Amino acid sequence: MELRHLRYFVMVAEERHFTRAAARLNMQQPPLSQQIRALEEELGFELFKRHPKGVDLTAGGQVFLQEAQEILARVKEGSLKASRAAHGIEGQLGVGFTSSAAAHPLIPRIIRAYRERFPGVAVVLKEGSAQQLTEAAIEGSVDVGILRAPVGQHQSIEFHRLLNEEMLLTLPVGHRLLAGHDLSNGAPCISLNDLADEPFILVRRPGAPGMYANLIKACQCAGFNPKIAFEVERMLTNVSLVAAGAGISIVPASMKDVHKESVVYCPIIDARPRLHAPITLVCRTFNQLPPLRNFIDLSRELSGRRITKQ
């Protein structure tokens, strides 16, 4: 028994006439009659009572009609669900993010736009460090991680650069390097060389090894090793500790509104290499399901640039 046999049967049952049913099915009447006869032989009972004006359902045919309609309805519903899943319209997407990446306005805009465009996809959000999200992408516990600088390399994952933004020096209000500057005209530019004796507050190397290493290298190129006063888990904690007067830090420019009443964000001059904070997607290279591909495409669209693999 095939699905087409059920469709033929339902059509004849609806029309109560073989010729009209054949016309709706775009086929000849004799082959339709043969298919119904074959179905009756397979079932072992008659589905229709033939008469000059058409056909009527037998008792068995009435019961079988209800079952056939339910089967066809389930097949149609299953096909629709499968099609929606195949196009990423339904399903689930695990999205991980670091606190510093989420502070950039692009990231909540992407997530909100994705929810609006694909309301049938359940978006599961998870916060973590860059290292944790990279490992989660490798393990498959998240589909995509949104972080700053790439962390390591692995054959099963790939990184997509969304954008680069400037890193800013974060100083507490009243810091000596701000003396004599009228902050109403904007924050002053600070030389990296002026930071040789300052206590730095940084995200731990395992959490953000790329940005950590870039800062260390820039300081060394300026002729000093930075004094690390604290290492913290989250970049937002950096700013809170700077506001408390515990040291200085360097954070992405998109965080410049955090604690702005007690912290001053200054451009850094003469850093070599230049201190930039990228925003990067990390995801598996294999078995990229449609919801993930749609998320990458939408990120490309909203970032306004072509995403480059790294």
C-alpha atoms as a PDB file:
ATOM      1  CA  MET A   1       0.000   0.000   0.000  1.00  0.00           C
ATOM      2  CA  GLU A   2       1.332   3.397  -0.987  1.00  0.00           C
ATOM      3  CA  LEU A   3       0.322   6.941  -0.048  1.00  0.00           C
ATOM      4  CA  ARG A   4      -0.994   7.483  -3.559  1.00  0.00           C
ATOM      5  CA  HIS A   5      -3.492   4.680  -3.003  1.00  0.00           C
ATOM      6  CA  LEU A   6      -4.814   6.491   0.047  1.00  0.00           C
ATOM      7  CA  ARG A   7      -5.060   9.754  -1.913  1.00  0.00           C
ATOM      8  CA  TYR A   8      -6.926   7.990  -4.733  1.00  0.00           C
ATOM      9  CA  PHE A   9      -9.331   6.407  -2.262  1.00  0.00           C
ATOM     10  CA  VAL A  10     -10.012   9.678  -0.414  1.00  0.00           C
ATOM     11  CA  MET A  11     -10.660  11.506  -3.672  1.00  0.00           C
ATOM     12  CA  VAL A  12     -13.187   8.909  -4.841  1.00  0.00           C
ATOM     13  CA  ALA A  13     -14.820   8.953  -1.404  1.00  0.00           C
ATOM     14  CA  GLU A  14     -15.157  12.736  -1.559  1.00  0.00           C
ATOM     15  CA  GLU A  15     -16.557  12.788  -5.100  1.00  0.00           C
ATOM     16  CA  ARG A  16     -18.635   9.587  -4.812  1.00  0.00           C
ATOM     17  CA  HIS A  17     -17.808   9.171  -8.490  1.00  0.00           C
ATOM     18  CA  PHE A  18     -14.804   7.642 -10.274  1.00  0.00           C
ATOM     19  CA  THR A  19     -14.860   9.872 -13.339  1.00  0.00           C
ATOM     20  CA  ARG A  20     -15.025  13.118 -11.354  1.00  0.00           C
ATOM     21  CA  ALA A  21     -12.311  11.854  -8.991  1.00  0.00           C
ATOM     22  CA  ALA A  22     -10.106  10.924 -11.940  1.00  0.00           C
ATOM     23  CA  ALA A  23     -10.524  14.404 -13.398  1.00  0.00           C
ATOM     24  CA  ARG A  24      -9.442  16.000 -10.108  1.00  0.00           C
ATOM     25  CA  LEU A  25      -6.461  13.644  -9.983  1.00  0.00           C
ATOM     26  CA  ASN A  26      -5.586  14.488 -13.602  1.00  0.00           C
ATOM     27  CA  MET A  27      -5.665  10.847 -14.652  1.00  0.00           C
ATOM     28  CA  GLN A  28      -7.905   8.510 -16.644  1.00  0.00           C
ATOM     29  CA  GLN A  29     -10.821   6.734 -14.976  1.00  0.00           C
ATOM     30  CA  PRO A  30      -9.858   3.112 -15.842  1.00  0.00           C
ATOM     31  CA  PRO A  31      -6.411   3.263 -14.132  1.00  0.00           C
ATOM     32  CA  LEU A  32      -8.063   4.845 -11.085  1.00  0.00           C
ATOM     33  CA  SER A  33     -10.618   2.067 -10.890  1.00  0.00           C
ATOM     34  CA  GLN A  34      -7.811  -0.509 -11.185  1.00  0.00           C
ATOM     35  CA  GLN A  35      -5.884   1.105  -8.323  1.00  0.00           C
ATOM     36  CA  ILE A  36      -8.934   1.099  -6.066  1.00  0.00           C
ATOM     37  CA  ARG A  37      -9.619  -2.557  -6.937  1.00  0.00           C
ATOM     38  CA  ALA A  38      -6.008  -3.395  -6.041  1.00  0.00           C
ATOM     39  CA  LEU A  39      -6.362  -1.566  -2.735  1.00  0.00           C
ATOM     40  CA  GLU A  40      -9.565  -3.464  -1.920  1.00  0.00           C
ATOM     41  CA  GLU A  41      -7.860  -6.782  -2.715  1.00  0.00           C
ATOM     42  CA  GLU A  42      -4.974  -5.857  -0.416  1.00  0.00           C
ATOM     43  CA  LEU A  43      -7.339  -4.880   2.394  1.00  0.00           C
ATOM     44  CA  GLY A  44      -9.576  -7.909   1.894  1.00  0.00           C
ATOM     45  CA  PHE A  45     -12.882  -6.052   1.743  1.00  0.00           C
ATOM     46  CA  GLU A  46     -14.807  -3.669  -0.494  1.00  0.00           C
ATOM     47  CA  LEU A  47     -14.457   0.055   0.040  1.00  0.00           C
ATOM     48  CA  PHE A  48     -17.271   1.127  -2.305  1.00  0.00           C
ATOM     49  CA  LYS A  49     -20.595  -0.118  -3.527  1.00  0.00           C
ATOM     50  CA  ARG A  50     -20.880   0.744  -7.204  1.00  0.00           C
ATOM     51  CA  HIS A  51     -24.175   1.914  -8.695  1.00  0.00           C
ATOM     52  CA  PRO A  52     -25.191   3.778 -11.904  1.00  0.00           C
ATOM     53  CA  LYS A  53     -24.910   7.230 -10.348  1.00  0.00           C
ATOM     54  CA  GLY A  54     -21.513   6.627  -8.771  1.00  0.00           C
ATOM     55  CA  VAL A  55     -20.374   4.907  -5.588  1.00  0.00           C
ATOM     56  CA  ASP A  56     -21.154   4.812  -1.873  1.00  0.00           C
ATOM     57  CA  LEU A  57     -18.823   3.892   0.944  1.00  0.00           C
ATOM     58  CA  THR A  58     -19.269   0.520   2.569  1.00  0.00           C
ATOM     59  CA  ALA A  59     -19.147   0.189   6.354  1.00  0.00           C
ATOM     60  CA  GLY A  60     -15.492  -0.765   6.086  1.00  0.00           C
ATOM     61  CA  GLY A  61     -14.906   2.089   3.650  1.00  0.00           C
ATOM     62  CA  GLN A  62     -16.344   4.621   6.092  1.00  0.00           C
ATOM     63  CA  VAL A  63     -13.937   3.541   8.824  1.00  0.00           C
ATOM     64  CA  PHE A  64     -10.989   3.343   6.422  1.00  0.00           C
ATOM     65  CA  LEU A  65     -11.756   6.857   5.101  1.00  0.00           C
ATOM     66  CA  GLN A  66     -11.288   8.381   8.545  1.00  0.00           C
ATOM     67  CA  GLU A  67      -8.014   6.516   9.047  1.00  0.00           C
ATOM     68  CA  ALA A  68      -6.750   7.412   5.572  1.00  0.00           C
ATOM     69  CA  GLN A  69      -7.533  11.103   6.089  1.00  0.00           C
ATOM     70  CA  GLU A  70      -5.691  11.111   9.412  1.00  0.00           C
ATOM     71  CA  ILE A  71      -2.672   9.390   7.870  1.00  0.00           C
ATOM     72  CA  LEU A  72      -2.531  11.870   4.992  1.00  0.00           C
ATOM     73  CA  ALA A  73      -2.933  14.785   7.401  1.00  0.00           C
ATOM     74  CA  ARG A  74      -0.056  13.497   9.541  1.00  0.00           C
ATOM     75  CA  VAL A  75       2.122  13.024   6.484  1.00  0.00           C
ATOM     76  CA  LYS A  76       1.349  16.566   5.333  1.00  0.00           C
ATOM     77  CA  GLU A  77       2.083  17.980   8.780  1.00  0.00           C
ATOM     78  CA  GLY A  78       5.296  15.962   9.026  1.00  0.00           C
ATOM     79  CA  SER A  79       6.410  17.135   5.587  1.00  0.00           C
ATOM     80  CA  LEU A  80       5.752  20.756   6.551  1.00  0.00           C
ATOM     81  CA  LYS A  81       7.703  20.410   9.796  1.00  0.00           C
ATOM     82  CA  ALA A  82      10.571  18.711   7.991  1.00  0.00           C
ATOM     83  CA  SER A  83      10.620  21.451   5.353  1.00  0.00           C
ATOM     84  CA  ARG A  84      10.663  24.170   8.002  1.00  0.00           C
ATOM     85  CA  ALA A  85      13.498  22.423   9.811  1.00  0.00           C
ATOM     86  CA  ALA A  86      15.418  21.975   6.550  1.00  0.00           C
ATOM     87  CA  HIS A  87      15.184  25.728   5.934  1.00  0.00           C
ATOM     88  CA  GLY A  88      16.024  26.676   9.515  1.00  0.00           C
ATOM     89  CA  ILE A  89      12.542  28.042  10.206  1.00  0.00           C
ATOM     90  CA  GLU A  90      12.043  25.650  13.112  1.00  0.00           C
ATOM     91  CA  GLY A  91      14.483  24.035  15.497  1.00  0.00           C
ATOM     92  CA  GLN A  92      16.874  25.167  18.202  1.00  0.00           C
ATOM     93  CA  LEU A  93      20.036  27.274  18.229  1.00  0.00           C
ATOM     94  CA  GLY A  94      22.491  27.405  21.121  1.00  0.00           C
ATOM     95  CA  VAL A  95      24.240  30.787  21.236  1.00  0.00           C
ATOM     96  CA  GLY A  96      27.104  31.461  23.629  1.00  0.00           C
ATOM     97  CA  PHE A  97      28.570  34.902  24.262  1.00  0.00           C
ATOM     98  CA  THR A  98      31.207  36.646  26.308  1.00  0.00           C
ATOM     99  CA  SER A  99      30.161  39.640  28.366  1.00  0.00           C
ATOM    100  CA  SER A 100      32.471  41.968  26.464  1.00  0.00           C
ATOM    101  CA  ALA A 101      31.183  40.830  23.062  1.00  0.00           C
ATOM    102  CA  ALA A 102      27.586  41.208  24.237  1.00  0.00           C
ATOM    103  CA  ALA A 103      28.377  44.801  25.274  1.00  0.00           C
ATOM    104  CA  HIS A 104      28.748  45.749  21.609  1.00  0.00           C
ATOM    105  CA  PRO A 105      25.378  46.960  20.235  1.00  0.00           C
ATOM    106  CA  LEU A 106      25.702  44.726  17.181  1.00  0.00           C
ATOM    107  CA  ILE A 107      25.276  41.532  19.200  1.00  0.00           C
ATOM    108  CA  PRO A 108      21.889  42.184  20.849  1.00  0.00           C
ATOM    109  CA  ARG A 109      20.742  43.576  17.498  1.00  0.00           C
ATOM    110  CA  ILE A 110      21.682  40.316  15.753  1.00  0.00           C
ATOM    111  CA  ILE A 111      20.005  38.147  18.379  1.00  0.00           C
ATOM    112  CA  ARG A 112      16.843  40.229  18.395  1.00  0.00           C
ATOM    113  CA  ALA A 113      16.643  40.303  14.602  1.00  0.00           C
ATOM    114  CA  TYR A 114      17.172  36.531  14.486  1.00  0.00           C
ATOM    115  CA  ARG A 115      14.330  35.969  16.965  1.00  0.00           C
ATOM    116  CA  GLU A 116      12.036  38.187  14.906  1.00  0.00           C
ATOM    117  CA  ARG A 117      12.972  36.624  11.577  1.00  0.00           C
ATOM    118  CA  PHE A 118      12.883  33.012  12.810  1.00  0.00           C
ATOM    119  CA  PRO A 119      10.310  32.908  15.637  1.00  0.00           C
ATOM    120  CA  GLY A 120       9.998  29.136  15.293  1.00  0.00           C
ATOM    121  CA  VAL A 121      13.607  28.599  16.366  1.00  0.00           C
ATOM    122  CA  ALA A 122      14.218  28.362  20.111  1.00  0.00           C
ATOM    123  CA  VAL A 123      17.325  30.405  20.920  1.00  0.00           C
ATOM    124  CA  VAL A 124      19.160  29.125  24.001  1.00  0.00           C
ATOM    125  CA  LEU A 125      21.637  31.662  25.380  1.00  0.00           C
ATOM    126  CA  LYS A 126      24.720  30.878  27.448  1.00  0.00           C
ATOM    127  CA  GLU A 127      27.411  33.174  28.856  1.00  0.00           C
ATOM    128  CA  GLY A 128      31.026  32.109  29.192  1.00  0.00           C
ATOM    129  CA  SER A 129      34.619  33.039  28.566  1.00  0.00           C
ATOM    130  CA  ALA A 130      36.162  32.834  25.106  1.00  0.00           C
ATOM    131  CA  GLN A 131      37.946  29.636  26.096  1.00  0.00           C
ATOM    132  CA  GLN A 132      34.787  28.066  27.488  1.00  0.00           C
ATOM    133  CA  LEU A 133      32.735  28.961  24.420  1.00  0.00           C
ATOM    134  CA  THR A 134      35.387  27.626  22.063  1.00  0.00           C
ATOM    135  CA  GLU A 135      35.423  24.320  23.934  1.00  0.00           C
ATOM    136  CA  ALA A 136      31.615  24.287  23.933  1.00  0.00           C
ATOM    137  CA  ALA A 137      31.612  24.744  20.139  1.00  0.00           C
ATOM    138  CA  ILE A 138      34.061  21.862  19.767  1.00  0.00           C
ATOM    139  CA  GLU A 139      31.919  19.644  22.008  1.00  0.00           C
ATOM    140  CA  GLY A 140      28.684  20.762  20.344  1.00  0.00           C
ATOM    141  CA  SER A 141      27.027  22.068  23.522  1.00  0.00           C
ATOM    142  CA  VAL A 142      26.610  25.429  21.740  1.00  0.00           C
ATOM    143  CA  ASP A 143      26.086  25.932  18.016  1.00  0.00           C
ATOM    144  CA  VAL A 144      27.830  29.292  17.836  1.00  0.00           C
ATOM    145  CA  GLY A 145      29.917  31.322  20.240  1.00  0.00           C
ATOM    146  CA  ILE A 146      30.270  35.110  20.059  1.00  0.00           C
ATOM    147  CA  LEU A 147      33.575  36.214  21.471  1.00  0.00           C
ATOM    148  CA  ARG A 148      36.420  38.626  20.956  1.00  0.00           C
ATOM    149  CA  ALA A 149      39.759  37.255  19.718  1.00  0.00           C
ATOM    150  CA  PRO A 150      39.896  33.621  18.526  1.00  0.00           C
ATOM    151  CA  VAL A 151      41.132  31.139  21.095  1.00  0.00           C
ATOM    152  CA  GLY A 152      43.420  28.440  19.742  1.00  0.00           C
ATOM    153  CA  GLN A 153      42.718  26.317  16.705  1.00  0.00           C
ATOM    154  CA  HIS A 154      40.996  22.987  16.246  1.00  0.00           C
ATOM    155  CA  GLN A 155      40.170  21.017  13.128  1.00  0.00           C
ATOM    156  CA  SER A 156      36.486  20.804  14.017  1.00  0.00           C
ATOM    157  CA  ILE A 157      35.817  24.558  14.387  1.00  0.00           C
ATOM    158  CA  GLU A 158      36.134  27.736  12.380  1.00  0.00           C
ATOM    159  CA  PHE A 159      36.220  31.414  13.304  1.00  0.00           C
ATOM    160  CA  HIS A 160      34.390  34.204  11.473  1.00  0.00           C
ATOM    161  CA  ARG A 161      35.511  37.791  12.025  1.00  0.00           C
ATOM    162  CA  LEU A 162      32.570  40.201  12.225  1.00  0.00           C
ATOM    163  CA  LEU A 163      34.353  43.453  13.007  1.00  0.00           C
ATOM    164  CA  ASN A 164      37.234  45.180  14.760  1.00  0.00           C
ATOM    165  CA  GLU A 165      36.890  48.003  17.238  1.00  0.00           C
ATOM    166  CA  GLU A 166      39.336  50.239  19.066  1.00  0.00           C
ATOM    167  CA  MET A 167      40.580  49.398  22.552  1.00  0.00           C
ATOM    168  CA  LEU A 168      40.444  52.221  25.098  1.00  0.00           C
ATOM    169  CA  LEU A 169      42.437  52.849  28.236  1.00  0.00           C
ATOM    170  CA  THR A 170      40.204  52.872  31.308  1.00  0.00           C
ATOM    171  CA  LEU A 171      41.214  55.215  34.130  1.00  0.00           C
ATOM    172  CA  PRO A 172      39.428  56.132  37.356  1.00  0.00           C
ATOM    173  CA  VAL A 173      38.252  59.723  37.634  1.00  0.00           C
ATOM    174  CA  GLY A 174      41.002  61.794  39.283  1.00  0.00           C
ATOM    175  CA  HIS A 175      43.861  59.658  37.967  1.00  0.00           C
ATOM    176  CA  ARG A 176      47.205  61.447  37.659  1.00  0.00           C
ATOM    177  CA  LEU A 177      47.249  61.019  33.870  1.00  0.00           C
ATOM    178  CA  LEU A 178      44.061  63.069  33.669  1.00  0.00           C
ATOM    179  CA  ALA A 179      45.447  66.013  35.658  1.00  0.00           C
ATOM    180  CA  GLY A 180      45.269  69.315  33.772  1.00  0.00           C
ATOM    181  CA  HIS A 181      42.861  67.990  31.119  1.00  0.00           C
ATOM    182  CA  ASP A 182      39.448  69.491  30.548  1.00  0.00           C
ATOM    183  CA  LEU A 183      37.337  66.347  30.199  1.00  0.00           C
ATOM    184  CA  SER A 184      34.396  68.367  28.906  1.00  0.00           C
ATOM    185  CA  ASN A 185      36.342  68.608  25.660  1.00  0.00           C
ATOM    186  CA  GLY A 186      36.829  64.853  25.538  1.00  0.00           C
ATOM    187  CA  ALA A 187      39.254  62.372  27.045  1.00  0.00           C
ATOM    188  CA  PRO A 188      42.958  62.886  26.336  1.00  0.00           C
ATOM    189  CA  CYS A 189      45.042  60.507  24.270  1.00  0.00           C
ATOM    190  CA  ILE A 190      47.468  58.571  26.453  1.00  0.00           C
ATOM    191  CA  SER A 191      50.800  57.089  25.433  1.00  0.00           C
ATOM    192  CA  LEU A 192      51.341  53.442  26.258  1.00  0.00           C
ATOM    193  CA  ASN A 193      54.747  54.431  27.658  1.00  0.00           C
ATOM    194  CA  ASP A 194      53.009  56.377  30.430  1.00  0.00           C
ATOM    195  CA  LEU A 195      51.532  53.155  31.804  1.00  0.00           C
ATOM    196  CA  ALA A 196      54.773  51.413  32.751  1.00  0.00           C
ATOM    197  CA  ASP A 197      54.226  51.885  36.500  1.00  0.00           C
ATOM    198  CA  GLU A 198      50.463  51.412  36.532  1.00  0.00           C
ATOM    199  CA  PRO A 199      48.697  48.336  37.994  1.00  0.00           C
ATOM    200  CA  PHE A 200      46.690  46.569  35.277  1.00  0.00           C
ATOM    201  CA  ILE A 201      43.420  44.723  35.732  1.00  0.00           C
ATOM    202  CA  LEU A 202      42.957  42.142  33.002  1.00  0.00           C
ATOM    203  CA  VAL A 203      40.733  39.246  32.069  1.00  0.00           C
ATOM    204  CA  ARG A 204      42.590  36.035  32.881  1.00  0.00           C
ATOM    205  CA  ARG A 205      44.767  34.698  30.088  1.00  0.00           C
ATOM    206  CA  PRO A 206      42.809  31.394  29.783  1.00  0.00           C
ATOM    207  CA  GLY A 207      39.568  33.353  29.342  1.00  0.00           C
ATOM    208  CA  ALA A 208      40.818  35.800  26.697  1.00  0.00           C
ATOM    209  CA  PRO A 209      44.281  34.667  25.626  1.00  0.00           C
ATOM    210  CA  GLY A 210      44.362  36.610  22.346  1.00  0.00           C
ATOM    211  CA  MET A 211      43.601  40.037  23.784  1.00  0.00           C
ATOM    212  CA  TYR A 212      45.753  39.344  26.845  1.00  0.00           C
ATOM    213  CA  ALA A 213      48.727  38.352  24.686  1.00  0.00           C
ATOM    214  CA  ASN A 214      48.317  41.377  22.386  1.00  0.00           C
ATOM    215  CA  LEU A 215      48.464  43.791  25.318  1.00  0.00           C
ATOM    216  CA  ILE A 216      51.520  42.088  26.819  1.00  0.00           C
ATOM    217  CA  LYS A 217      53.272  42.236  23.463  1.00  0.00           C
ATOM    218  CA  ALA A 218      52.423  45.922  22.955  1.00  0.00           C
ATOM    219  CA  CYS A 219      53.765  46.785  26.431  1.00  0.00           C
ATOM    220  CA  GLN A 220      56.943  44.840  25.807  1.00  0.00           C
ATOM    221  CA  CYS A 221      57.422  46.655  22.500  1.00  0.00           C
ATOM    222  CA  ALA A 222      57.086  49.895  24.499  1.00  0.00           C
ATOM    223  CA  GLY A 223      59.918  48.724  26.749  1.00  0.00           C
ATOM    224  CA  PHE A 224      58.183  47.347  29.851  1.00  0.00           C
ATOM    225  CA  ASN A 225      56.310  44.376  31.232  1.00  0.00           C
ATOM    226  CA  PRO A 226      52.911  45.416  32.595  1.00  0.00           C
ATOM    227  CA  LYS A 227      52.281  45.051  36.296  1.00  0.00           C
ATOM    228  CA  ILE A 228      49.269  42.786  36.686  1.00  0.00           C
ATOM    229  CA  ALA A 229      47.388  43.743  39.847  1.00  0.00           C
ATOM    230  CA  PHE A 230      44.311  41.546  39.270  1.00  0.00           C
ATOM    231  CA  GLU A 231      43.087  38.965  36.814  1.00  0.00           C
ATOM    232  CA  VAL A 232      39.326  38.591  36.648  1.00  0.00           C
ATOM    233  CA  GLU A 233      36.829  36.327  34.885  1.00  0.00           C
ATOM    234  CA  ARG A 234      34.783  38.974  33.058  1.00  0.00           C
ATOM    235  CA  MET A 235      35.714  42.209  31.340  1.00  0.00           C
ATOM    236  CA  LEU A 236      32.828  44.039  32.980  1.00  0.00           C
ATOM    237  CA  THR A 237      34.545  43.331  36.301  1.00  0.00           C
ATOM    238  CA  ASN A 238      37.608  45.175  34.984  1.00  0.00           C
ATOM    239  CA  VAL A 239      35.670  48.393  34.734  1.00  0.00           C
ATOM    240  CA  SER A 240      34.094  47.991  38.169  1.00  0.00           C
ATOM    241  CA  LEU A 241      37.523  47.558  39.758  1.00  0.00           C
ATOM    242  CA  VAL A 242      38.878  50.551  37.839  1.00  0.00           C
ATOM    243  CA  ALA A 243      35.947  52.592  39.119  1.00  0.00           C
ATOM    244  CA  ALA A 244      36.905  51.457  42.628  1.00  0.00           C
ATOM    245  CA  GLY A 245      40.450  52.779  42.108  1.00  0.00           C
ATOM    246  CA  ALA A 246      42.090  49.331  42.123  1.00  0.00           C
ATOM    247  CA  GLY A 247      44.042  49.903  38.897  1.00  0.00           C
ATOM    248  CA  ILE A 248      43.662  50.601  35.186  1.00  0.00           C
ATOM    249  CA  SER A 249      42.492  48.469  32.326  1.00  0.00           C
ATOM    250  CA  ILE A 250      42.066  48.381  28.561  1.00  0.00           C
ATOM    251  CA  VAL A 251      38.653  47.495  27.170  1.00  0.00           C
ATOM    252  CA  PRO A 252      36.760  47.629  23.842  1.00  0.00           C
ATOM    253  CA  ALA A 253      35.353  51.026  22.901  1.00  0.00           C
ATOM    254  CA  SER A 254      31.782  49.670  22.973  1.00  0.00           C
ATOM    255  CA  MET A 255      32.050  49.473  26.783  1.00  0.00           C
ATOM    256  CA  LYS A 256      32.694  53.199  27.209  1.00  0.00           C
ATOM    257  CA  ASP A 257      29.290  53.849  28.798  1.00  0.00           C
ATOM    258  CA  VAL A 258      29.915  51.450  31.699  1.00  0.00           C
ATOM    259  CA  HIS A 259      30.482  53.377  34.986  1.00  0.00           C
ATOM    260  CA  LYS A 260      31.007  56.521  32.921  1.00  0.00           C
ATOM    261  CA  GLU A 261      30.401  58.718  35.976  1.00  0.00           C
ATOM    262  CA  SER A 262      33.496  57.287  37.680  1.00  0.00           C
ATOM    263  CA  VAL A 263      35.659  56.060  34.818  1.00  0.00           C
ATOM    264  CA  VAL A 264      37.309  57.879  31.911  1.00  0.00           C
ATOM    265  CA  TYR A 265      37.960  56.111  28.616  1.00  0.00           C
ATOM    266  CA  CYS A 266      41.007  57.370  26.726  1.00  0.00           C
ATOM    267  CA  PRO A 267      42.411  56.560  23.286  1.00  0.00           C
ATOM    268  CA  ILE A 268      45.860  54.953  23.333  1.00  0.00           C
ATOM    269  CA  ILE A 269      48.588  56.235  21.049  1.00  0.00           C
ATOM    270  CA  ASP A 270      51.785  54.529  19.871  1.00  0.00           C
ATOM    271  CA  ALA A 271      50.769  50.952  20.765  1.00  0.00           C
ATOM    272  CA  ARG A 272      52.537  48.409  18.581  1.00  0.00           C
ATOM    273  CA  PRO A 273      50.832  46.202  17.646  1.00  0.00           C
ATOM    274  CA  ARG A 274      47.664  48.277  17.545  1.00  0.00           C
ATOM    275  CA  LEU A 275      45.227  47.239  20.234  1.00  0.00           C
ATOM    276  CA  HIS A 276      42.001  46.166  18.585  1.00  0.00           C
ATOM    277  CA  ALA A 277      39.082  44.174  19.922  1.00  0.00           C
ATOM    278  CA  PRO A 278      37.483  41.971  17.273  1.00  0.00           C
ATOM    279  CA  ILE A 279      34.088  40.356  17.467  1.00  0.00           C
ATOM    280  CA  THR A 280      34.301  36.798  16.264  1.00  0.00           C
ATOM    281  CA  LEU A 281      31.915  33.909  15.732  1.00  0.00           C
ATOM    282  CA  VAL A 282      33.125  30.392  16.484  1.00  0.00           C
ATOM    283  CA  CYS A 283      31.222  27.338  15.266  1.00  0.00           C
ATOM    284  CA  ARG A 284      31.722  23.797  14.079  1.00  0.00           C
ATOM    285  CA  THR A 285      32.987  23.204  10.560  1.00  0.00           C
ATOM    286  CA  PHE A 286      30.856  20.068  10.133  1.00  0.00           C
ATOM    287  CA  ASN A 287      27.110  19.382  10.277  1.00  0.00           C
ATOM    288  CA  GLN A 288      26.149  23.055  10.280  1.00  0.00           C
ATOM    289  CA  LEU A 289      22.388  22.885  10.621  1.00  0.00           C
ATOM    290  CA  PRO A 290      20.152  25.442   8.858  1.00  0.00           C
ATOM    291  CA  PRO A 291      19.471  27.557  12.002  1.00  0.00           C
ATOM    292  CA  LEU A 292      23.229  28.080  12.394  1.00  0.00           C
ATOM    293  CA  ARG A 293      23.738  28.936   8.727  1.00  0.00           C
ATOM    294  CA  ASN A 294      20.876  31.436   8.942  1.00  0.00           C
ATOM    295  CA  PHE A 295      22.473  32.992  12.024  1.00  0.00           C
ATOM    296  CA  ILE A 296      25.815  33.404  10.234  1.00  0.00           C
ATOM    297  CA  ASP A 297      24.113  34.905   7.179  1.00  0.00           C
ATOM    298  CA  LEU A 298      22.156  37.352   9.341  1.00  0.00           C
ATOM    299  CA  SER A 299      25.322  38.321  11.221  1.00  0.00           C
ATOM    300  CA  ARG A 300      26.982  39.041   7.875  1.00  0.00           C
ATOM    301  CA  GLU A 301      24.016  41.137   6.811  1.00  0.00           C
ATOM    302  CA  LEU A 302      23.829  43.223   9.996  1.00  0.00           C
ATOM    303  CA  SER A 303      27.566  43.675  10.402  1.00  0.00           C
ATOM    304  CA  GLY A 304      27.602  45.322   6.988  1.00  0.00           C
ATOM    305  CA  ARG A 305      30.609  43.416   5.777  1.00  0.00           C
ATOM    306  CA  ARG A 306      31.586  40.082   4.403  1.00  0.00           C
ATOM    307  CA  ILE A 307      32.463  37.707   7.208  1.00  0.00           C
ATOM    308  CA  THR A 308      35.939  36.302   6.782  1.00  0.00           C
ATOM    309  CA  LYS A 309      36.945  32.869   7.995  1.00  0.00           C
ATOM    310  CA  GLN A 310      40.110  32.675  10.058  1.00  0.00           C
END
